[in-house]
Structure formats: C-alpha cells, structure tokens
Amino acid sequence: MQVIQGVKVQIKTEELNKHLNERVVFHRGKAVAYGDKAEELLKMAPDEERHGKGSSGPVSELQRTHEHHRRRAIYFDFLSNHLVPDAVYELSETDMTNLEINQSLGY
C-alpha cells in the first residue's frame, strides 16, 4: 500500500494551462472594471483623493483592488507561458489555493 501525505492532485499541462488562462481573463476583466469605477469616482472625489493625499477612501480602495487584479493577471499569464509541455503537475492544497483552483470550482 502506498502512503500519501496530504492531498495531492495531478493535473496535465493542457488542463492547467486552460485554468491559468481562465484566471488571466477573470483578473483582467476585474482590473478593468475596478479601474473604470475608480476613474469614475475620482472625477467626483474631493481634492484630497484627486491629488493622492487620501489613502483610505473609496477611490484608493478601488485603485488597490484594480492593482491586485492587474498583478494577478500578470502572474497567471506568466505561469501559463512557462509550463512544461506534455507534463503532469502534482499540486498540493496550497498550490491549488495559490492557483485559485478552489475559487474557480466554487469553493
């Protein structure tokens, strides 16, 4: 009998690449939406927000969220472009969380 420590999932390159590309699309879309909303609110914001002095207002929060999604899209795009063709990746629970596999499955 084989002893396995923790939860490990094996996933082929093609399936992982598909997932990563879906996350790129998701995060790019969110980045655009949050960026647009920040710009829209910025036009109506007080001078402190417009000139970058406010760091806790709604505009700043939208800008931080925009940046988070922009960086996640870059991260997933980088990973998808550097997968080993025709390989099998063994992912831990931590890997699956970092790759947002749990989120895309609705967990």
Protein backbone atom coordinates (compact mmCIF):
# COMPACT_ATOMS: atom_id res chain seq x y z
CA MET A 1 0.00 0.00 0.00
CA GLN A 2 1.25 3.49 -0.93
CA VAL A 3 1.30 6.15 1.80
CA ILE A 4 0.44 9.65 0.62
CA GLN A 5 0.97 12.68 2.81
CA GLY A 6 -1.66 15.37 2.42
CA VAL A 7 -3.86 15.96 -0.57
CA LYS A 8 -2.10 15.89 -3.91
CA VAL A 9 -3.79 16.31 -7.27
CA GLN A 10 -2.22 15.51 -10.59
CA ILE A 11 -3.13 17.78 -13.47
CA LYS A 12 -1.92 17.70 -17.06
CA THR A 13 -0.29 20.72 -18.67
CA GLU A 14 -3.23 21.30 -21.02
CA GLU A 15 -5.77 21.40 -18.18
CA LEU A 16 -3.57 23.61 -16.01
CA ASN A 17 -2.91 25.96 -18.93
CA LYS A 18 -6.65 26.24 -19.60
CA HIS A 19 -7.28 27.08 -15.96
CA LEU A 20 -4.49 29.66 -15.84
CA ASN A 21 -5.77 31.35 -18.99
CA GLU A 22 -9.27 31.50 -17.47
CA ARG A 23 -7.80 33.21 -14.40
CA VAL A 24 -5.99 35.70 -16.65
CA VAL A 25 -9.27 36.61 -18.34
CA PHE A 26 -11.06 36.82 -14.98
CA HIS A 27 -8.46 39.09 -13.36
CA ARG A 28 -8.03 41.30 -16.43
CA GLY A 29 -11.78 41.83 -16.51
CA LYS A 30 -11.86 42.67 -12.80
CA ALA A 31 -8.89 45.03 -13.19
CA VAL A 32 -10.66 46.92 -15.97
CA ALA A 33 -13.92 47.10 -14.02
CA TYR A 34 -12.26 48.36 -10.83
CA GLY A 35 -10.05 50.76 -12.76
CA ASP A 36 -13.04 52.22 -14.59
CA LYS A 37 -15.01 52.57 -11.37
CA ALA A 38 -12.04 54.27 -9.67
CA GLU A 39 -11.74 56.74 -12.54
CA GLU A 40 -15.46 57.43 -12.41
CA LEU A 41 -15.38 58.07 -8.65
CA LEU A 42 -12.17 60.07 -8.94
CA LYS A 43 -13.97 62.63 -11.10
CA MET A 44 -16.41 63.18 -8.23
CA ALA A 45 -13.90 62.83 -5.36
CA PRO A 46 -12.71 65.60 -3.05
CA ASP A 47 -9.40 67.29 -3.83
CA GLU A 48 -7.50 65.12 -1.30
CA GLU A 49 -8.43 61.95 -3.22
CA ARG A 50 -7.75 63.53 -6.61
CA HIS A 51 -4.26 64.61 -5.63
CA GLY A 52 -3.27 61.37 -3.96
CA LYS A 53 -3.38 62.54 -0.36
CA GLY A 54 -6.20 60.21 0.66
CA SER A 55 -5.18 56.61 1.21
CA SER A 56 -8.26 55.17 2.84
CA GLY A 57 -11.14 56.49 0.77
CA PRO A 58 -13.25 54.57 -1.73
CA VAL A 59 -11.17 55.71 -4.71
CA SER A 60 -7.96 54.48 -3.10
CA GLU A 61 -9.59 51.18 -2.22
CA LEU A 62 -10.80 50.70 -5.81
CA GLN A 63 -7.32 51.55 -7.10
CA ARG A 64 -5.74 48.98 -4.74
CA THR A 65 -8.23 46.35 -5.87
CA HIS A 66 -7.57 47.24 -9.51
CA GLU A 67 -3.83 46.81 -8.90
CA HIS A 68 -4.37 43.47 -7.12
CA HIS A 69 -6.29 42.07 -10.08
CA ARG A 70 -3.82 43.52 -12.59
CA ARG A 71 -0.93 41.81 -10.80
CA ARG A 72 -2.81 38.51 -10.53
CA ALA A 73 -3.47 38.58 -14.28
CA ILE A 74 0.25 39.14 -14.93
CA TYR A 75 1.15 36.30 -12.55
CA PHE A 76 -1.21 33.79 -14.16
CA ASP A 77 -0.16 34.87 -17.66
CA PHE A 78 3.49 34.34 -16.73
CA LEU A 79 2.77 30.88 -15.35
CA SER A 80 0.71 29.84 -18.38
CA ASN A 81 3.56 30.85 -20.68
CA HIS A 82 6.13 28.82 -18.74
CA LEU A 83 4.50 25.42 -18.34
CA VAL A 84 6.36 22.31 -19.45
CA PRO A 85 4.52 20.80 -22.43
CA ASP A 86 3.02 17.32 -22.01
CA ALA A 87 3.82 17.15 -18.29
CA VAL A 88 1.82 16.21 -15.24
CA TYR A 89 1.90 18.65 -12.35
CA GLU A 90 1.35 17.40 -8.82
CA LEU A 91 -0.39 20.11 -6.86
CA SER A 92 -0.79 20.37 -3.11
CA GLU A 93 -3.71 22.07 -1.40
CA THR A 94 -1.53 25.16 -1.06
CA ASP A 95 -0.72 25.08 -4.78
CA MET A 96 -4.41 24.78 -5.62
CA THR A 97 -5.22 27.74 -3.38
CA ASN A 98 -2.42 29.86 -4.87
CA LEU A 99 -3.57 28.97 -8.37
CA GLU A 100 -7.18 29.75 -7.42
CA ILE A 101 -8.34 26.29 -8.42
CA ASN A 102 -10.61 26.16 -5.38
CA GLN A 103 -12.20 29.51 -6.29
CA SER A 104 -12.88 28.56 -9.88
CA LEU A 105 -14.64 25.40 -8.70
CA GLY A 106 -16.91 27.46 -6.47
CA TYR A 107 -15.29 26.63 -3.10
